[in-house]
Amino acid sequence: MLSVAEEVFGDRHKAQRWLRKPVFELGHQAPCAVLCTSTGYSDAHAVLMRIDHGISG
């Protein structure tokens, strides 16, 4: 997930910060906290894709 976030944000530190910050679309949970749930990776990935396409974030 870090590599995807890094690609979206263009910076490793911004990507790491996003992974630790609560995100509204993930129920106000940090992406790193939901990655181990059954749908967490796909949910976090979907949020990143929306950010990448200017739809969210």
PDB file of N, CA and C in Angstrom:
ATOM      1  N   MET A   1       0.823  -1.189   0.000  1.00  0.00           N
ATOM      2  CA  MET A   1       0.000   0.000   0.000  1.00  0.00           C
ATOM      3  C   MET A   1       0.870   1.257   0.000  1.00  0.00           C
ATOM      4  N   LEU A   2       2.021   1.194   0.661  1.00  0.00           N
ATOM      5  CA  LEU A   2       2.894   2.362   0.696  1.00  0.00           C
ATOM      6  C   LEU A   2       3.317   2.765  -0.714  1.00  0.00           C
ATOM      7  N   SER A   3       3.631   1.807  -1.550  1.00  0.00           N
ATOM      8  CA  SER A   3       4.075   2.148  -2.906  1.00  0.00           C
ATOM      9  C   SER A   3       2.953   2.795  -3.712  1.00  0.00           C
ATOM     10  N   VAL A   4       1.724   2.348  -3.525  1.00  0.00           N
ATOM     11  CA  VAL A   4       0.589   2.959  -4.224  1.00  0.00           C
ATOM     12  C   VAL A   4       0.379   4.382  -3.718  1.00  0.00           C
ATOM     13  N   ALA A   5       0.397   4.560  -2.407  1.00  0.00           N
ATOM     14  CA  ALA A   5       0.222   5.890  -1.826  1.00  0.00           C
ATOM     15  C   ALA A   5       1.346   6.823  -2.258  1.00  0.00           C
ATOM     16  N   GLU A   6       2.555   6.285  -2.318  1.00  0.00           N
ATOM     17  CA  GLU A   6       3.696   7.092  -2.737  1.00  0.00           C
ATOM     18  C   GLU A   6       3.539   7.546  -4.191  1.00  0.00           C
ATOM     19  N   GLU A   7       3.017   6.664  -5.018  1.00  0.00           N
ATOM     20  CA  GLU A   7       2.777   7.028  -6.421  1.00  0.00           C
ATOM     21  C   GLU A   7       1.709   8.118  -6.530  1.00  0.00           C
ATOM     22  N   VAL A   8       0.660   8.006  -5.733  1.00  0.00           N
ATOM     23  CA  VAL A   8      -0.430   8.989  -5.767  1.00  0.00           C
ATOM     24  C   VAL A   8       0.040  10.349  -5.257  1.00  0.00           C
ATOM     25  N   PHE A   9       0.759  10.362  -4.131  1.00  0.00           N
ATOM     26  CA  PHE A   9       1.172  11.620  -3.526  1.00  0.00           C
ATOM     27  C   PHE A   9       2.503  12.147  -4.047  1.00  0.00           C
ATOM     28  N   GLY A  10       3.262  11.288  -4.712  1.00  0.00           N
ATOM     29  CA  GLY A  10       4.538  11.714  -5.284  1.00  0.00           C
ATOM     30  C   GLY A  10       5.638  11.952  -4.267  1.00  0.00           C
ATOM     31  N   ASP A  11       5.431  11.477  -3.052  1.00  0.00           N
ATOM     32  CA  ASP A  11       6.402  11.717  -1.976  1.00  0.00           C
ATOM     33  C   ASP A  11       6.209  10.658  -0.899  1.00  0.00           C
ATOM     34  N   ARG A  12       7.294  10.039  -0.480  1.00  0.00           N
ATOM     35  CA  ARG A  12       7.218   8.959   0.511  1.00  0.00           C
ATOM     36  C   ARG A  12       6.691   9.458   1.863  1.00  0.00           C
ATOM     37  N   HIS A  13       7.140  10.632   2.287  1.00  0.00           N
ATOM     38  CA  HIS A  13       6.704  11.157   3.590  1.00  0.00           C
ATOM     39  C   HIS A  13       5.217  11.501   3.581  1.00  0.00           C
ATOM     40  N   LYS A  14       4.718  12.068   2.497  1.00  0.00           N
ATOM     41  CA  LYS A  14       3.280  12.357   2.399  1.00  0.00           C
ATOM     42  C   LYS A  14       2.479  11.067   2.408  1.00  0.00           C
ATOM     43  N   ALA A  15       2.982  10.058   1.715  1.00  0.00           N
ATOM     44  CA  ALA A  15       2.300   8.763   1.683  1.00  0.00           C
ATOM     45  C   ALA A  15       2.246   8.143   3.072  1.00  0.00           C
ATOM     46  N   GLN A  16       3.352   8.171   3.786  1.00  0.00           N
ATOM     47  CA  GLN A  16       3.386   7.621   5.142  1.00  0.00           C
ATOM     48  C   GLN A  16       2.439   8.375   6.066  1.00  0.00           C
ATOM     49  N   ARG A  17       2.393   9.678   5.915  1.00  0.00           N
ATOM     50  CA  ARG A  17       1.491  10.494   6.743  1.00  0.00           C
ATOM     51  C   ARG A  17       0.036  10.123   6.456  1.00  0.00           C
ATOM     52  N   TRP A  18      -0.310   9.959   5.166  1.00  0.00           N
ATOM     53  CA  TRP A  18      -1.680   9.592   4.795  1.00  0.00           C
ATOM     54  C   TRP A  18      -2.054   8.236   5.387  1.00  0.00           C
ATOM     55  N   LEU A  19      -1.127   7.306   5.373  1.00  0.00           N
ATOM     56  CA  LEU A  19      -1.401   5.966   5.900  1.00  0.00           C
ATOM     57  C   LEU A  19      -1.679   5.984   7.403  1.00  0.00           C
ATOM     58  N   ARG A  20      -1.160   6.977   8.116  1.00  0.00           N
ATOM     59  CA  ARG A  20      -1.346   7.057   9.577  1.00  0.00           C
ATOM     60  C   ARG A  20      -2.481   7.981   9.988  1.00  0.00           C
ATOM     61  N   LYS A  21      -2.997   8.787   9.059  1.00  0.00           N
ATOM     62  CA  LYS A  21      -4.012   9.791   9.379  1.00  0.00           C
ATOM     63  C   LYS A  21      -5.424   9.216   9.218  1.00  0.00           C
ATOM     64  N   PRO A  22      -6.328   9.480  10.169  1.00  0.00           N
ATOM     65  CA  PRO A  22      -7.717   9.029  10.004  1.00  0.00           C
ATOM     66  C   PRO A  22      -8.316   9.593   8.715  1.00  0.00           C
ATOM     67  N   VAL A  23      -9.038   8.748   8.005  1.00  0.00           N
ATOM     68  CA  VAL A  23      -9.623   9.111   6.719  1.00  0.00           C
ATOM     69  C   VAL A  23     -11.143   8.952   6.813  1.00  0.00           C
ATOM     70  N   PHE A  24     -11.865   9.990   6.443  1.00  0.00           N
ATOM     71  CA  PHE A  24     -13.323   9.985   6.530  1.00  0.00           C
ATOM     72  C   PHE A  24     -13.924   8.770   5.829  1.00  0.00           C
ATOM     73  N   GLU A  25     -13.461   8.509   4.608  1.00  0.00           N
ATOM     74  CA  GLU A  25     -14.023   7.415   3.803  1.00  0.00           C
ATOM     75  C   GLU A  25     -13.758   6.037   4.393  1.00  0.00           C
ATOM     76  N   LEU A  26     -12.858   5.956   5.340  1.00  0.00           N
ATOM     77  CA  LEU A  26     -12.557   4.676   5.995  1.00  0.00           C
ATOM     78  C   LEU A  26     -13.120   4.649   7.416  1.00  0.00           C
ATOM     79  N   GLY A  27     -14.184   5.384   7.626  1.00  0.00           N
ATOM     80  CA  GLY A  27     -14.817   5.412   8.947  1.00  0.00           C
ATOM     81  C   GLY A  27     -13.975   6.109   9.981  1.00  0.00           C
ATOM     82  N   HIS A  28     -13.249   7.141   9.542  1.00  0.00           N
ATOM     83  CA  HIS A  28     -12.370   7.920  10.421  1.00  0.00           C
ATOM     84  C   HIS A  28     -11.270   7.064  11.042  1.00  0.00           C
ATOM     85  N   GLN A  29     -10.845   6.038  10.314  1.00  0.00           N
ATOM     86  CA  GLN A  29      -9.732   5.191  10.750  1.00  0.00           C
ATOM     87  C   GLN A  29      -8.546   5.441   9.825  1.00  0.00           C
ATOM     88  N   ALA A  30      -7.373   5.223  10.337  1.00  0.00           N
ATOM     89  CA  ALA A  30      -6.169   5.356   9.522  1.00  0.00           C
ATOM     90  C   ALA A  30      -6.085   4.176   8.566  1.00  0.00           C
ATOM     91  N   PRO A  31      -5.663   4.415   7.332  1.00  0.00           N
ATOM     92  CA  PRO A  31      -5.538   3.311   6.379  1.00  0.00           C
ATOM     93  C   PRO A  31      -4.699   2.154   6.918  1.00  0.00           C
ATOM     94  N   CYS A  32      -3.620   2.444   7.625  1.00  0.00           N
ATOM     95  CA  CYS A  32      -2.781   1.363   8.151  1.00  0.00           C
ATOM     96  C   CYS A  32      -3.530   0.515   9.173  1.00  0.00           C
ATOM     97  N   ALA A  33      -4.557   1.070   9.793  1.00  0.00           N
ATOM     98  CA  ALA A  33      -5.330   0.322  10.783  1.00  0.00           C
ATOM     99  C   ALA A  33      -6.358  -0.602  10.143  1.00  0.00           C
ATOM    100  N   VAL A  34      -6.767  -0.315   8.919  1.00  0.00           N
ATOM    101  CA  VAL A  34      -7.789  -1.138   8.272  1.00  0.00           C
ATOM    102  C   VAL A  34      -7.213  -2.146   7.281  1.00  0.00           C
ATOM    103  N   LEU A  35      -5.926  -2.057   6.997  1.00  0.00           N
ATOM    104  CA  LEU A  35      -5.342  -2.938   5.985  1.00  0.00           C
ATOM    105  C   LEU A  35      -5.487  -4.421   6.316  1.00  0.00           C
ATOM    106  N   CYS A  36      -5.537  -4.765   7.571  1.00  0.00           N
ATOM    107  CA  CYS A  36      -5.622  -6.176   7.947  1.00  0.00           C
ATOM    108  C   CYS A  36      -7.061  -6.688   8.030  1.00  0.00           C
ATOM    109  N   THR A  37      -8.044  -5.850   7.746  1.00  0.00           N
ATOM    110  CA  THR A  37      -9.431  -6.311   7.743  1.00  0.00           C
ATOM    111  C   THR A  37      -9.748  -6.947   6.393  1.00  0.00           C
ATOM    112  N   SER A  38     -10.877  -7.604   6.303  1.00  0.00           N
ATOM    113  CA  SER A  38     -11.216  -8.343   5.086  1.00  0.00           C
ATOM    114  C   SER A  38     -11.330  -7.454   3.851  1.00  0.00           C
ATOM    115  N   THR A  39     -11.792  -6.234   4.013  1.00  0.00           N
ATOM    116  CA  THR A  39     -11.933  -5.343   2.858  1.00  0.00           C
ATOM    117  C   THR A  39     -11.029  -4.119   2.948  1.00  0.00           C
ATOM    118  N   GLY A  40     -10.208  -4.060   3.973  1.00  0.00           N
ATOM    119  CA  GLY A  40      -9.398  -2.872   4.228  1.00  0.00           C
ATOM    120  C   GLY A  40      -8.484  -2.456   3.101  1.00  0.00           C
ATOM    121  N   TYR A  41      -7.753  -3.414   2.525  1.00  0.00           N
ATOM    122  CA  TYR A  41      -6.823  -3.061   1.450  1.00  0.00           C
ATOM    123  C   TYR A  41      -7.581  -2.483   0.264  1.00  0.00           C
ATOM    124  N   SER A  42      -8.650  -3.153  -0.157  1.00  0.00           N
ATOM    125  CA  SER A  42      -9.393  -2.661  -1.318  1.00  0.00           C
ATOM    126  C   SER A  42     -10.076  -1.328  -1.015  1.00  0.00           C
ATOM    127  N   ASP A  43     -10.556  -1.138   0.206  1.00  0.00           N
ATOM    128  CA  ASP A  43     -11.172   0.142   0.574  1.00  0.00           C
ATOM    129  C   ASP A  43     -10.153   1.277   0.539  1.00  0.00           C
ATOM    130  N   ALA A  44      -8.987   1.039   1.139  1.00  0.00           N
ATOM    131  CA  ALA A  44      -7.944   2.067   1.148  1.00  0.00           C
ATOM    132  C   ALA A  44      -7.447   2.340  -0.272  1.00  0.00           C
ATOM    133  N   HIS A  45      -7.308   1.301  -1.063  1.00  0.00           N
ATOM    134  CA  HIS A  45      -6.877   1.465  -2.452  1.00  0.00           C
ATOM    135  C   HIS A  45      -7.898   2.295  -3.232  1.00  0.00           C
ATOM    136  N   ALA A  46      -9.172   2.037  -3.015  1.00  0.00           N
ATOM    137  CA  ALA A  46     -10.228   2.795  -3.698  1.00  0.00           C
ATOM    138  C   ALA A  46     -10.157   4.276  -3.326  1.00  0.00           C
ATOM    139  N   VAL A  47      -9.905   4.573  -2.059  1.00  0.00           N
ATOM    140  CA  VAL A  47      -9.777   5.971  -1.636  1.00  0.00           C
ATOM    141  C   VAL A  47      -8.588   6.616  -2.346  1.00  0.00           C
ATOM    142  N   LEU A  48      -7.470   5.910  -2.404  1.00  0.00           N
ATOM    143  CA  LEU A  48      -6.298   6.451  -3.093  1.00  0.00           C
ATOM    144  C   LEU A  48      -6.580   6.708  -4.569  1.00  0.00           C
ATOM    145  N   MET A  49      -7.316   5.818  -5.208  1.00  0.00           N
ATOM    146  CA  MET A  49      -7.631   6.012  -6.628  1.00  0.00           C
ATOM    147  C   MET A  49      -8.551   7.221  -6.823  1.00  0.00           C
ATOM    148  N   ARG A  50      -9.467   7.440  -5.886  1.00  0.00           N
ATOM    149  CA  ARG A  50     -10.323   8.630  -5.979  1.00  0.00           C
ATOM    150  C   ARG A  50      -9.494   9.899  -5.791  1.00  0.00           C
ATOM    151  N   ILE A  51      -8.549   9.878  -4.854  1.00  0.00           N
ATOM    152  CA  ILE A  51      -7.659  11.020  -4.654  1.00  0.00           C
ATOM    153  C   ILE A  51      -6.852  11.261  -5.926  1.00  0.00           C
ATOM    154  N   ASP A  52      -6.318  10.176  -6.488  1.00  0.00           N
ATOM    155  CA  ASP A  52      -5.490  10.280  -7.692  1.00  0.00           C
ATOM    156  C   ASP A  52      -6.267  10.876  -8.868  1.00  0.00           C
ATOM    157  N   HIS A  53      -7.563  10.610  -8.914  1.00  0.00           N
ATOM    158  CA  HIS A  53      -8.382  11.130 -10.008  1.00  0.00           C
ATOM    159  C   HIS A  53      -9.123  12.420  -9.638  1.00  0.00           C
ATOM    160  N   GLY A  54      -8.774  12.987  -8.490  1.00  0.00           N
ATOM    161  CA  GLY A  54      -9.361  14.271  -8.099  1.00  0.00           C
ATOM    162  C   GLY A  54     -10.786  14.195  -7.618  1.00  0.00           C
ATOM    163  N   ILE A  55     -11.235  13.024  -7.220  1.00  0.00           N
ATOM    164  CA  ILE A  55     -12.614  12.847  -6.793  1.00  0.00           C
ATOM    165  C   ILE A  55     -12.772  13.003  -5.293  1.00  0.00           C
ATOM    166  N   SER A  56     -11.713  12.765  -4.533  1.00  0.00           N
ATOM    167  CA  SER A  56     -11.774  12.807  -3.071  1.00  0.00           C
ATOM    168  C   SER A  56     -10.469  13.333  -2.520  1.00  0.00           C
ATOM    169  N   GLY A  57     -10.487  13.631  -1.221  1.00  0.00           N
ATOM    170  CA  GLY A  57      -9.254  13.973  -0.550  1.00  0.00           C
ATOM    171  C   GLY A  57      -9.097  15.422  -0.334  1.00  0.00           C
TER     172      GLY A  57
END
